[in-house]
Amino acid sequence: MVLKVRKKVVALPGCPMSKCMNLLGGCWTPEVLWSLSEGPRRFSELRRDSPFISAKVMTSRLRDLEHRGVLTRNVMPTSPPTVEYELTGLGKELLPAIRSIVAVGSRLLLRDSTA
């Protein structure tokens, strides 16, 4: 079966799914975004939320997400310096996808606990 190519539809450059997964696909990235979904968090709070992530990997994830424009890093002029991380507009746009993943994961956990 041969598909007809529509002449009036302009193809998107690249794949939208790949573009989004490029942001979400890093190791521990969904966990970091989920931790930031309730508002700004300090580094130590993020570490407490995800105790299985080493400080080195957490720092790497946060720098990468900041570089990609998913979150902002705010250094407060205190002694010692305090740093807070917060989702940007782009980061907040990703939250519905993260919430959907959490909902499916919750149902899977429930299903596994009843089996």
PDB file of N, CA and C in Angstrom:
ATOM      1  N   MET A   1       0.839  -1.175   0.000  1.00  0.00           N
ATOM      2  CA  MET A   1       0.000   0.000   0.000  1.00  0.00           C
ATOM      3  C   MET A   1       0.886   1.241   0.000  1.00  0.00           C
ATOM      4  N   VAL A   2       0.622   2.142  -0.902  1.00  0.00           N
ATOM      5  CA  VAL A   2       1.401   3.360  -1.017  1.00  0.00           C
ATOM      6  C   VAL A   2       0.582   4.518  -0.440  1.00  0.00           C
ATOM      7  N   LEU A   3       1.210   5.298   0.426  1.00  0.00           N
ATOM      8  CA  LEU A   3       0.533   6.454   1.010  1.00  0.00           C
ATOM      9  C   LEU A   3       0.715   7.665   0.113  1.00  0.00           C
ATOM     10  N   LYS A   4      -0.345   8.445  -0.002  1.00  0.00           N
ATOM     11  CA  LYS A   4      -0.261   9.683  -0.761  1.00  0.00           C
ATOM     12  C   LYS A   4       0.376  10.761   0.109  1.00  0.00           C
ATOM     13  N   VAL A   5       1.224  11.550  -0.477  1.00  0.00           N
ATOM     14  CA  VAL A   5       1.836  12.662   0.234  1.00  0.00           C
ATOM     15  C   VAL A   5       0.963  13.893   0.009  1.00  0.00           C
ATOM     16  N   ARG A   6       0.521  14.468   1.111  1.00  0.00           N
ATOM     17  CA  ARG A   6      -0.300  15.681   1.001  1.00  0.00           C
ATOM     18  C   ARG A   6       0.593  16.865   0.684  1.00  0.00           C
ATOM     19  N   LYS A   7       0.168  17.663  -0.270  1.00  0.00           N
ATOM     20  CA  LYS A   7       0.992  18.782  -0.705  1.00  0.00           C
ATOM     21  C   LYS A   7       0.858  19.999   0.202  1.00  0.00           C
ATOM     22  N   LYS A   8      -0.283  20.148   0.895  1.00  0.00           N
ATOM     23  CA  LYS A   8      -0.523  21.347   1.683  1.00  0.00           C
ATOM     24  C   LYS A   8       0.023  21.250   3.112  1.00  0.00           C
ATOM     25  N   VAL A   9       0.377  20.057   3.561  1.00  0.00           N
ATOM     26  CA  VAL A   9       0.868  19.866   4.922  1.00  0.00           C
ATOM     27  C   VAL A   9       2.382  20.042   4.940  1.00  0.00           C
ATOM     28  N   VAL A  10       2.837  20.979   5.762  1.00  0.00           N
ATOM     29  CA  VAL A  10       4.270  21.222   5.882  1.00  0.00           C
ATOM     30  C   VAL A  10       4.825  20.328   6.987  1.00  0.00           C
ATOM     31  N   ALA A  11       5.836  19.561   6.670  1.00  0.00           N
ATOM     32  CA  ALA A  11       6.439  18.656   7.652  1.00  0.00           C
ATOM     33  C   ALA A  11       7.259  19.442   8.667  1.00  0.00           C
ATOM     34  N   LEU A  12       7.178  19.016   9.913  1.00  0.00           N
ATOM     35  CA  LEU A  12       7.970  19.636  10.964  1.00  0.00           C
ATOM     36  C   LEU A  12       9.424  19.232  10.826  1.00  0.00           C
ATOM     37  N   PRO A  13      10.345  20.161  11.112  1.00  0.00           N
ATOM     38  CA  PRO A  13      11.758  19.774  11.061  1.00  0.00           C
ATOM     39  C   PRO A  13      12.088  18.920  12.281  1.00  0.00           C
ATOM     40  N   GLY A  14      12.435  17.696  12.065  1.00  0.00           N
ATOM     41  CA  GLY A  14      12.736  16.790  13.169  1.00  0.00           C
ATOM     42  C   GLY A  14      11.470  16.195  13.752  1.00  0.00           C
ATOM     43  N   CYS A  15      11.638  15.351  14.727  1.00  0.00           N
ATOM     44  CA  CYS A  15      10.518  14.677  15.362  1.00  0.00           C
ATOM     45  C   CYS A  15      10.177  15.364  16.675  1.00  0.00           C
ATOM     46  N   PRO A  16       8.918  15.767  16.886  1.00  0.00           N
ATOM     47  CA  PRO A  16       8.545  16.435  18.136  1.00  0.00           C
ATOM     48  C   PRO A  16       8.752  15.547  19.363  1.00  0.00           C
ATOM     49  N   MET A  17       8.502  14.250  19.225  1.00  0.00           N
ATOM     50  CA  MET A  17       8.701  13.333  20.349  1.00  0.00           C
ATOM     51  C   MET A  17      10.180  13.287  20.738  1.00  0.00           C
ATOM     52  N   SER A  18      11.049  13.203  19.734  1.00  0.00           N
ATOM     53  CA  SER A  18      12.485  13.160  20.014  1.00  0.00           C
ATOM     54  C   SER A  18      12.959  14.455  20.657  1.00  0.00           C
ATOM     55  N   LYS A  19      12.406  15.570  20.215  1.00  0.00           N
ATOM     56  CA  LYS A  19      12.787  16.868  20.773  1.00  0.00           C
ATOM     57  C   LYS A  19      12.446  16.936  22.258  1.00  0.00           C
ATOM     58  N   CYS A  20      11.260  16.474  22.620  1.00  0.00           N
ATOM     59  CA  CYS A  20      10.821  16.481  24.014  1.00  0.00           C
ATOM     60  C   CYS A  20      11.611  15.461  24.842  1.00  0.00           C
ATOM     61  N   MET A  21      11.785  14.275  24.300  1.00  0.00           N
ATOM     62  CA  MET A  21      12.510  13.225  25.027  1.00  0.00           C
ATOM     63  C   MET A  21      13.983  13.574  25.188  1.00  0.00           C
ATOM     64  N   ASN A  22      14.492  14.425  24.310  1.00  0.00           N
ATOM     65  CA  ASN A  22      15.862  14.893  24.451  1.00  0.00           C
ATOM     66  C   ASN A  22      16.017  15.677  25.759  1.00  0.00           C
ATOM     67  N   LEU A  23      14.972  16.391  26.158  1.00  0.00           N
ATOM     68  CA  LEU A  23      14.999  17.135  27.423  1.00  0.00           C
ATOM     69  C   LEU A  23      14.759  16.217  28.615  1.00  0.00           C
ATOM     70  N   LEU A  24      13.851  15.252  28.465  1.00  0.00           N
ATOM     71  CA  LEU A  24      13.465  14.382  29.577  1.00  0.00           C
ATOM     72  C   LEU A  24      14.317  13.135  29.714  1.00  0.00           C
ATOM     73  N   GLY A  25      15.086  12.807  28.689  1.00  0.00           N
ATOM     74  CA  GLY A  25      15.731  11.516  28.624  1.00  0.00           C
ATOM     75  C   GLY A  25      16.976  11.326  29.455  1.00  0.00           C
ATOM     76  N   GLY A  26      17.504  12.372  30.051  1.00  0.00           N
ATOM     77  CA  GLY A  26      18.716  12.217  30.839  1.00  0.00           C
ATOM     78  C   GLY A  26      18.490  11.413  32.102  1.00  0.00           C
ATOM     79  N   CYS A  27      19.560  10.800  32.593  1.00  0.00           N
ATOM     80  CA  CYS A  27      19.486  10.016  33.816  1.00  0.00           C
ATOM     81  C   CYS A  27      19.026  10.894  34.988  1.00  0.00           C
ATOM     82  N   TRP A  28      17.968  10.500  35.658  1.00  0.00           N
ATOM     83  CA  TRP A  28      17.377  11.166  36.823  1.00  0.00           C
ATOM     84  C   TRP A  28      16.667  12.476  36.500  1.00  0.00           C
ATOM     85  N   THR A  29      16.586  12.873  35.252  1.00  0.00           N
ATOM     86  CA  THR A  29      15.935  14.142  34.903  1.00  0.00           C
ATOM     87  C   THR A  29      14.474  14.192  35.324  1.00  0.00           C
ATOM     88  N   PRO A  30      13.658  13.158  35.070  1.00  0.00           N
ATOM     89  CA  PRO A  30      12.263  13.233  35.509  1.00  0.00           C
ATOM     90  C   PRO A  30      12.122  13.390  37.023  1.00  0.00           C
ATOM     91  N   GLU A  31      13.006  12.737  37.792  1.00  0.00           N
ATOM     92  CA  GLU A  31      12.952  12.851  39.246  1.00  0.00           C
ATOM     93  C   GLU A  31      13.248  14.283  39.698  1.00  0.00           C
ATOM     94  N   VAL A  32      14.231  14.920  39.059  1.00  0.00           N
ATOM     95  CA  VAL A  32      14.578  16.302  39.401  1.00  0.00           C
ATOM     96  C   VAL A  32      13.411  17.229  39.065  1.00  0.00           C
ATOM     97  N   LEU A  33      12.819  17.062  37.893  1.00  0.00           N
ATOM     98  CA  LEU A  33      11.678  17.897  37.503  1.00  0.00           C
ATOM     99  C   LEU A  33      10.501  17.687  38.447  1.00  0.00           C
ATOM    100  N   TRP A  34      10.258  16.437  38.849  1.00  0.00           N
ATOM    101  CA  TRP A  34       9.164  16.141  39.768  1.00  0.00           C
ATOM    102  C   TRP A  34       9.403  16.833  41.116  1.00  0.00           C
ATOM    103  N   SER A  35      10.644  16.833  41.589  1.00  0.00           N
ATOM    104  CA  SER A  35      10.972  17.500  42.854  1.00  0.00           C
ATOM    105  C   SER A  35      10.749  19.008  42.772  1.00  0.00           C
ATOM    106  N   LEU A  36      10.998  19.572  41.602  1.00  0.00           N
ATOM    107  CA  LEU A  36      10.841  21.020  41.421  1.00  0.00           C
ATOM    108  C   LEU A  36       9.412  21.424  41.053  1.00  0.00           C
ATOM    109  N   SER A  37       8.531  20.448  40.886  1.00  0.00           N
ATOM    110  CA  SER A  37       7.170  20.756  40.433  1.00  0.00           C
ATOM    111  C   SER A  37       6.368  21.554  41.461  1.00  0.00           C
ATOM    112  N   GLU A  38       6.713  21.451  42.724  1.00  0.00           N
ATOM    113  CA  GLU A  38       5.984  22.178  43.777  1.00  0.00           C
ATOM    114  C   GLU A  38       6.549  23.561  44.052  1.00  0.00           C
ATOM    115  N   GLY A  39       7.649  23.918  43.403  1.00  0.00           N
ATOM    116  CA  GLY A  39       8.235  25.236  43.598  1.00  0.00           C
ATOM    117  C   GLY A  39       9.744  25.161  43.757  1.00  0.00           C
ATOM    118  N   PRO A  40      10.369  26.312  44.034  1.00  0.00           N
ATOM    119  CA  PRO A  40      11.833  26.360  44.154  1.00  0.00           C
ATOM    120  C   PRO A  40      12.342  25.453  45.273  1.00  0.00           C
ATOM    121  N   ARG A  41      13.490  24.851  45.035  1.00  0.00           N
ATOM    122  CA  ARG A  41      14.109  23.950  46.022  1.00  0.00           C
ATOM    123  C   ARG A  41      15.604  24.227  46.083  1.00  0.00           C
ATOM    124  N   ARG A  42      16.168  24.048  47.267  1.00  0.00           N
ATOM    125  CA  ARG A  42      17.614  24.140  47.434  1.00  0.00           C
ATOM    126  C   ARG A  42      18.239  22.803  47.076  1.00  0.00           C
ATOM    127  N   PHE A  43      19.552  22.840  46.860  1.00  0.00           N
ATOM    128  CA  PHE A  43      20.273  21.627  46.474  1.00  0.00           C
ATOM    129  C   PHE A  43      20.070  20.519  47.507  1.00  0.00           C
ATOM    130  N   SER A  44      20.205  20.863  48.779  1.00  0.00           N
ATOM    131  CA  SER A  44      20.071  19.839  49.827  1.00  0.00           C
ATOM    132  C   SER A  44      18.659  19.255  49.868  1.00  0.00           C
ATOM    133  N   GLU A  45      17.653  20.064  49.554  1.00  0.00           N
ATOM    134  CA  GLU A  45      16.273  19.563  49.505  1.00  0.00           C
ATOM    135  C   GLU A  45      16.097  18.590  48.341  1.00  0.00           C
ATOM    136  N   LEU A  46      16.700  18.921  47.207  1.00  0.00           N
ATOM    137  CA  LEU A  46      16.639  18.029  46.053  1.00  0.00           C
ATOM    138  C   LEU A  46      17.339  16.701  46.360  1.00  0.00           C
ATOM    139  N   ARG A  47      18.457  16.764  47.073  1.00  0.00           N
ATOM    140  CA  ARG A  47      19.169  15.543  47.456  1.00  0.00           C
ATOM    141  C   ARG A  47      18.334  14.698  48.413  1.00  0.00           C
ATOM    142  N   ARG A  48      17.618  15.359  49.328  1.00  0.00           N
ATOM    143  CA  ARG A  48      16.755  14.635  50.263  1.00  0.00           C
ATOM    144  C   ARG A  48      15.590  13.983  49.535  1.00  0.00           C
ATOM    145  N   ASP A  49      15.055  14.668  48.517  1.00  0.00           N
ATOM    146  CA  ASP A  49      13.945  14.116  47.729  1.00  0.00           C
ATOM    147  C   ASP A  49      14.363  12.864  46.960  1.00  0.00           C
ATOM    148  N   SER A  50      15.596  12.828  46.511  1.00  0.00           N
ATOM    149  CA  SER A  50      16.102  11.705  45.699  1.00  0.00           C
ATOM    150  C   SER A  50      17.411  11.201  46.292  1.00  0.00           C
ATOM    151  N   PRO A  51      17.346  10.429  47.382  1.00  0.00           N
ATOM    152  CA  PRO A  51      18.573  10.011  48.073  1.00  0.00           C
ATOM    153  C   PRO A  51      19.460   9.062  47.276  1.00  0.00           C
ATOM    154  N   PHE A  52      18.944   8.464  46.209  1.00  0.00           N
ATOM    155  CA  PHE A  52      19.743   7.524  45.432  1.00  0.00           C
ATOM    156  C   PHE A  52      20.615   8.219  44.389  1.00  0.00           C
ATOM    157  N   ILE A  53      20.440   9.527  44.219  1.00  0.00           N
ATOM    158  CA  ILE A  53      21.243  10.284  43.256  1.00  0.00           C
ATOM    159  C   ILE A  53      22.458  10.842  43.992  1.00  0.00           C
ATOM    160  N   SER A  54      23.642  10.580  43.491  1.00  0.00           N
ATOM    161  CA  SER A  54      24.848  11.119  44.124  1.00  0.00           C
ATOM    162  C   SER A  54      24.908  12.629  43.900  1.00  0.00           C
ATOM    163  N   ALA A  55      25.671  13.312  44.740  1.00  0.00           N
ATOM    164  CA  ALA A  55      25.817  14.766  44.622  1.00  0.00           C
ATOM    165  C   ALA A  55      26.417  15.146  43.269  1.00  0.00           C
ATOM    166  N   LYS A  56      27.361  14.337  42.801  1.00  0.00           N
ATOM    167  CA  LYS A  56      28.012  14.612  41.513  1.00  0.00           C
ATOM    168  C   LYS A  56      27.002  14.532  40.365  1.00  0.00           C
ATOM    169  N   VAL A  57      26.186  13.489  40.355  1.00  0.00           N
ATOM    170  CA  VAL A  57      25.203  13.312  39.285  1.00  0.00           C
ATOM    171  C   VAL A  57      24.119  14.385  39.392  1.00  0.00           C
ATOM    172  N   MET A  58      23.693  14.708  40.619  1.00  0.00           N
ATOM    173  CA  MET A  58      22.680  15.757  40.807  1.00  0.00           C
ATOM    174  C   MET A  58      23.193  17.087  40.265  1.00  0.00           C
ATOM    175  N   THR A  59      24.426  17.417  40.585  1.00  0.00           N
ATOM    176  CA  THR A  59      25.027  18.661  40.089  1.00  0.00           C
ATOM    177  C   THR A  59      25.084  18.661  38.571  1.00  0.00           C
ATOM    178  N   SER A  60      25.470  17.537  37.985  1.00  0.00           N
ATOM    179  CA  SER A  60      25.544  17.416  36.526  1.00  0.00           C
ATOM    180  C   SER A  60      24.170  17.607  35.889  1.00  0.00           C
ATOM    181  N   ARG A  61      23.142  16.963  36.451  1.00  0.00           N
ATOM    182  CA  ARG A  61      21.774  17.091  35.927  1.00  0.00           C
ATOM    183  C   ARG A  61      21.307  18.539  36.009  1.00  0.00           C
ATOM    184  N   LEU A  62      21.524  19.173  37.157  1.00  0.00           N
ATOM    185  CA  LEU A  62      21.064  20.547  37.341  1.00  0.00           C
ATOM    186  C   LEU A  62      21.750  21.498  36.368  1.00  0.00           C
ATOM    187  N   ARG A  63      23.048  21.324  36.169  1.00  0.00           N
ATOM    188  CA  ARG A  63      23.774  22.181  35.215  1.00  0.00           C
ATOM    189  C   ARG A  63      23.265  21.970  33.794  1.00  0.00           C
ATOM    190  N   ASP A  64      23.046  20.709  33.435  1.00  0.00           N
ATOM    191  CA  ASP A  64      22.553  20.391  32.097  1.00  0.00           C
ATOM    192  C   ASP A  64      21.166  20.993  31.869  1.00  0.00           C
ATOM    193  N   LEU A  65      20.272  20.837  32.852  1.00  0.00           N
ATOM    194  CA  LEU A  65      18.917  21.370  32.710  1.00  0.00           C
ATOM    195  C   LEU A  65      18.924  22.896  32.681  1.00  0.00           C
ATOM    196  N   GLU A  66      19.834  23.507  33.432  1.00  0.00           N
ATOM    197  CA  GLU A  66      19.957  24.971  33.393  1.00  0.00           C
ATOM    198  C   GLU A  66      20.449  25.412  32.011  1.00  0.00           C
ATOM    199  N   HIS A  67      21.424  24.701  31.482  1.00  0.00           N
ATOM    200  CA  HIS A  67      21.970  25.020  30.157  1.00  0.00           C
ATOM    201  C   HIS A  67      20.896  24.895  29.068  1.00  0.00           C
ATOM    202  N   ARG A  68      19.999  23.921  29.199  1.00  0.00           N
ATOM    203  CA  ARG A  68      18.931  23.698  28.213  1.00  0.00           C
ATOM    204  C   ARG A  68      17.733  24.624  28.412  1.00  0.00           C
ATOM    205  N   GLY A  69      17.738  25.411  29.494  1.00  0.00           N
ATOM    206  CA  GLY A  69      16.659  26.365  29.727  1.00  0.00           C
ATOM    207  C   GLY A  69      15.453  25.781  30.437  1.00  0.00           C
ATOM    208  N   VAL A  70      15.627  24.614  31.086  1.00  0.00           N
ATOM    209  CA  VAL A  70      14.507  23.962  31.778  1.00  0.00           C
ATOM    210  C   VAL A  70      14.356  24.498  33.196  1.00  0.00           C
ATOM    211  N   LEU A  71      15.465  24.915  33.801  1.00  0.00           N
ATOM    212  CA  LEU A  71      15.396  25.477  35.150  1.00  0.00           C
ATOM    213  C   LEU A  71      16.365  26.631  35.284  1.00  0.00           C
ATOM    214  N   THR A  72      16.156  27.420  36.335  1.00  0.00           N
ATOM    215  CA  THR A  72      17.053  28.537  36.622  1.00  0.00           C
ATOM    216  C   THR A  72      17.733  28.284  37.959  1.00  0.00           C
ATOM    217  N   ARG A  73      18.912  28.821  38.096  1.00  0.00           N
ATOM    218  CA  ARG A  73      19.706  28.713  39.319  1.00  0.00           C
ATOM    219  C   ARG A  73      19.825  30.108  39.900  1.00  0.00           C
ATOM    220  N   ASN A  74      19.291  30.301  41.093  1.00  0.00           N
ATOM    221  CA  ASN A  74      19.319  31.610  41.744  1.00  0.00           C
ATOM    222  C   ASN A  74      20.249  31.555  42.951  1.00  0.00           C
ATOM    223  N   VAL A  75      21.329  32.344  42.900  1.00  0.00           N
ATOM    224  CA  VAL A  75      22.270  32.416  44.012  1.00  0.00           C
ATOM    225  C   VAL A  75      21.864  33.598  44.878  1.00  0.00           C
ATOM    226  N   MET A  76      21.598  33.327  46.163  1.00  0.00           N
ATOM    227  CA  MET A  76      21.175  34.384  47.078  1.00  0.00           C
ATOM    228  C   MET A  76      22.389  34.895  47.848  1.00  0.00           C
ATOM    229  N   PRO A  77      22.470  36.206  48.043  1.00  0.00           N
ATOM    230  CA  PRO A  77      23.642  36.788  48.715  1.00  0.00           C
ATOM    231  C   PRO A  77      23.591  36.594  50.238  1.00  0.00           C
ATOM    232  N   THR A  78      23.771  35.376  50.668  1.00  0.00           N
ATOM    233  CA  THR A  78      23.815  35.072  52.097  1.00  0.00           C
ATOM    234  C   THR A  78      25.187  34.494  52.415  1.00  0.00           C
ATOM    235  N   SER A  79      25.457  34.320  53.679  1.00  0.00           N
ATOM    236  CA  SER A  79      26.723  33.727  54.075  1.00  0.00           C
ATOM    237  C   SER A  79      26.433  32.493  54.907  1.00  0.00           C
ATOM    238  N   PRO A  80      26.730  31.305  54.450  1.00  0.00           N
ATOM    239  CA  PRO A  80      27.276  30.929  53.143  1.00  0.00           C
ATOM    240  C   PRO A  80      26.239  31.120  52.043  1.00  0.00           C
ATOM    241  N   PRO A  81      26.689  31.199  50.793  1.00  0.00           N
ATOM    242  CA  PRO A  81      25.747  31.421  49.690  1.00  0.00           C
ATOM    243  C   PRO A  81      24.686  30.327  49.618  1.00  0.00           C
ATOM    244  N   THR A  82      23.455  30.733  49.371  1.00  0.00           N
ATOM    245  CA  THR A  82      22.333  29.813  49.219  1.00  0.00           C
ATOM    246  C   THR A  82      21.941  29.783  47.748  1.00  0.00           C
ATOM    247  N   VAL A  83      21.704  28.590  47.228  1.00  0.00           N
ATOM    248  CA  VAL A  83      21.321  28.434  45.823  1.00  0.00           C
ATOM    249  C   VAL A  83      19.961  27.749  45.777  1.00  0.00           C
ATOM    250  N   GLU A  84      19.054  28.332  44.993  1.00  0.00           N
ATOM    251  CA  GLU A  84      17.740  27.719  44.760  1.00  0.00           C
ATOM    252  C   GLU A  84      17.580  27.437  43.281  1.00  0.00           C
ATOM    253  N   TYR A  85      16.903  26.344  42.996  1.00  0.00           N
ATOM    254  CA  TYR A  85      16.606  25.964  41.621  1.00  0.00           C
ATOM    255  C   TYR A  85      15.103  26.043  41.414  1.00  0.00           C
ATOM    256  N   GLU A  86      14.702  26.540  40.237  1.00  0.00           N
ATOM    257  CA  GLU A  86      13.282  26.715  39.938  1.00  0.00           C
ATOM    258  C   GLU A  86      13.040  26.419  38.469  1.00  0.00           C
ATOM    259  N   LEU A  87      11.886  25.849  38.169  1.00  0.00           N
ATOM    260  CA  LEU A  87      11.539  25.551  36.789  1.00  0.00           C
ATOM    261  C   LEU A  87      11.266  26.838  36.015  1.00  0.00           C
ATOM    262  N   THR A  88      11.687  26.863  34.770  1.00  0.00           N
ATOM    263  CA  THR A  88      11.354  27.977  33.872  1.00  0.00           C
ATOM    264  C   THR A  88      10.011  27.666  33.212  1.00  0.00           C
ATOM    265  N   GLY A  89       9.594  28.511  32.312  1.00  0.00           N
ATOM    266  CA  GLY A  89       8.365  28.255  31.560  1.00  0.00           C
ATOM    267  C   GLY A  89       8.434  26.936  30.802  1.00  0.00           C
ATOM    268  N   LEU A  90       9.598  26.658  30.202  1.00  0.00           N
ATOM    269  CA  LEU A  90       9.781  25.403  29.480  1.00  0.00           C
ATOM    270  C   LEU A  90       9.682  24.216  30.433  1.00  0.00           C
ATOM    271  N   GLY A  91      10.288  24.339  31.594  1.00  0.00           N
ATOM    272  CA  GLY A  91      10.212  23.268  32.587  1.00  0.00           C
ATOM    273  C   GLY A  91       8.786  23.007  33.033  1.00  0.00           C
ATOM    274  N   LYS A  92       8.010  24.081  33.201  1.00  0.00           N
ATOM    275  CA  LYS A  92       6.610  23.932  33.609  1.00  0.00           C
ATOM    276  C   LYS A  92       5.768  23.308  32.505  1.00  0.00           C
ATOM    277  N   GLU A  93       6.161  23.532  31.247  1.00  0.00           N
ATOM    278  CA  GLU A  93       5.453  22.897  30.126  1.00  0.00           C
ATOM    279  C   GLU A  93       5.652  21.380  30.127  1.00  0.00           C
ATOM    280  N   LEU A  94       6.751  20.913  30.684  1.00  0.00           N
ATOM    281  CA  LEU A  94       7.034  19.476  30.732  1.00  0.00           C
ATOM    282  C   LEU A  94       6.295  18.768  31.861  1.00  0.00           C
ATOM    283  N   LEU A  95       5.777  19.505  32.837  1.00  0.00           N
ATOM    284  CA  LEU A  95       5.140  18.893  34.005  1.00  0.00           C
ATOM    285  C   LEU A  95       3.929  18.016  33.684  1.00  0.00           C
ATOM    286  N   PRO A  96       3.049  18.389  32.749  1.00  0.00           N
ATOM    287  CA  PRO A  96       1.940  17.473  32.449  1.00  0.00           C
ATOM    288  C   PRO A  96       2.424  16.084  31.999  1.00  0.00           C
ATOM    289  N   ALA A  97       3.500  16.032  31.247  1.00  0.00           N
ATOM    290  CA  ALA A  97       4.049  14.737  30.828  1.00  0.00           C
ATOM    291  C   ALA A  97       4.578  13.972  32.040  1.00  0.00           C
ATOM    292  N   ILE A  98       5.256  14.665  32.943  1.00  0.00           N
ATOM    293  CA  ILE A  98       5.783  14.026  34.151  1.00  0.00           C
ATOM    294  C   ILE A  98       4.627  13.538  35.024  1.00  0.00           C
ATOM    295  N   ARG A  99       3.582  14.357  35.166  1.00  0.00           N
ATOM    296  CA  ARG A  99       2.419  13.953  35.971  1.00  0.00           C
ATOM    297  C   ARG A  99       1.749  12.713  35.383  1.00  0.00           C
ATOM    298  N   SER A 100       1.674  12.646  34.067  1.00  0.00           N
ATOM    299  CA  SER A 100       1.089  11.460  33.425  1.00  0.00           C
ATOM    300  C   SER A 100       1.924  10.220  33.701  1.00  0.00           C
ATOM    301  N   ILE A 101       3.239  10.362  33.648  1.00  0.00           N
ATOM    302  CA  ILE A 101       4.128   9.240  33.940  1.00  0.00           C
ATOM    303  C   ILE A 101       3.950   8.795  35.388  1.00  0.00           C
ATOM    304  N   VAL A 102       3.836   9.752  36.309  1.00  0.00           N
ATOM    305  CA  VAL A 102       3.637   9.424  37.730  1.00  0.00           C
ATOM    306  C   VAL A 102       2.301   8.705  37.932  1.00  0.00           C
ATOM    307  N   ALA A 103       1.259   9.147  37.227  1.00  0.00           N
ATOM    308  CA  ALA A 103      -0.053   8.504  37.357  1.00  0.00           C
ATOM    309  C   ALA A 103       0.001   7.051  36.881  1.00  0.00           C
ATOM    310  N   VAL A 104       0.648   6.820  35.751  1.00  0.00           N
ATOM    311  CA  VAL A 104       0.778   5.447  35.245  1.00  0.00           C
ATOM    312  C   VAL A 104       1.622   4.619  36.203  1.00  0.00           C
ATOM    313  N   GLY A 105       2.709   5.193  36.697  1.00  0.00           N
ATOM    314  CA  GLY A 105       3.562   4.486  37.650  1.00  0.00           C
ATOM    315  C   GLY A 105       2.811   4.123  38.922  1.00  0.00           C
ATOM    316  N   SER A 106       1.961   5.017  39.402  1.00  0.00           N
ATOM    317  CA  SER A 106       1.159   4.736  40.601  1.00  0.00           C
ATOM    318  C   SER A 106       0.207   3.571  40.356  1.00  0.00           C
ATOM    319  N   ARG A 107      -0.422   3.561  39.183  1.00  0.00           N
ATOM    320  CA  ARG A 107      -1.318   2.444  38.849  1.00  0.00           C
ATOM    321  C   ARG A 107      -0.550   1.127  38.734  1.00  0.00           C
ATOM    322  N   LEU A 108       0.644   1.176  38.174  1.00  0.00           N
ATOM    323  CA  LEU A 108       1.462  -0.034  38.057  1.00  0.00           C
ATOM    324  C   LEU A 108       1.880  -0.550  39.440  1.00  0.00           C
ATOM    325  N   LEU A 109       2.257   0.368  40.325  1.00  0.00           N
ATOM    326  CA  LEU A 109       2.616  -0.042  41.683  1.00  0.00           C
ATOM    327  C   LEU A 109       1.432  -0.673  42.401  1.00  0.00           C
ATOM    328  N   LEU A 110       0.271  -0.068  42.223  1.00  0.00           N
ATOM    329  CA  LEU A 110      -0.945  -0.597  42.839  1.00  0.00           C
ATOM    330  C   LEU A 110      -1.272  -1.986  42.292  1.00  0.00           C
ATOM    331  N   ARG A 111      -1.135  -2.126  40.979  1.00  0.00           N
ATOM    332  CA  ARG A 111      -1.398  -3.419  40.344  1.00  0.00           C
ATOM    333  C   ARG A 111      -0.430  -4.490  40.843  1.00  0.00           C
ATOM    334  N   ASP A 112       0.857  -4.109  40.979  1.00  0.00           N
ATOM    335  CA  ASP A 112       1.856  -5.065  41.452  1.00  0.00           C
ATOM    336  C   ASP A 112       1.643  -5.450  42.906  1.00  0.00           C
ATOM    337  N   SER A 113       1.150  -4.500  43.718  1.00  0.00           N
ATOM    338  CA  SER A 113       0.948  -4.803  45.143  1.00  0.00           C
ATOM    339  C   SER A 113      -0.271  -5.708  45.370  1.00  0.00           C
ATOM    340  N   THR A 114      -1.237  -5.677  44.451  1.00  0.00           N
ATOM    341  CA  THR A 114      -2.421  -6.531  44.598  1.00  0.00           C
ATOM    342  C   THR A 114      -2.225  -7.899  43.968  1.00  0.00           C
ATOM    343  N   ALA A 115      -1.199  -8.047  43.141  1.00  0.00           N
ATOM    344  CA  ALA A 115      -0.952  -9.334  42.461  1.00  0.00           C
ATOM    345  C   ALA A 115      -0.225 -10.313  43.357  1.00  0.00           C
TER     346      ALA A 115
END
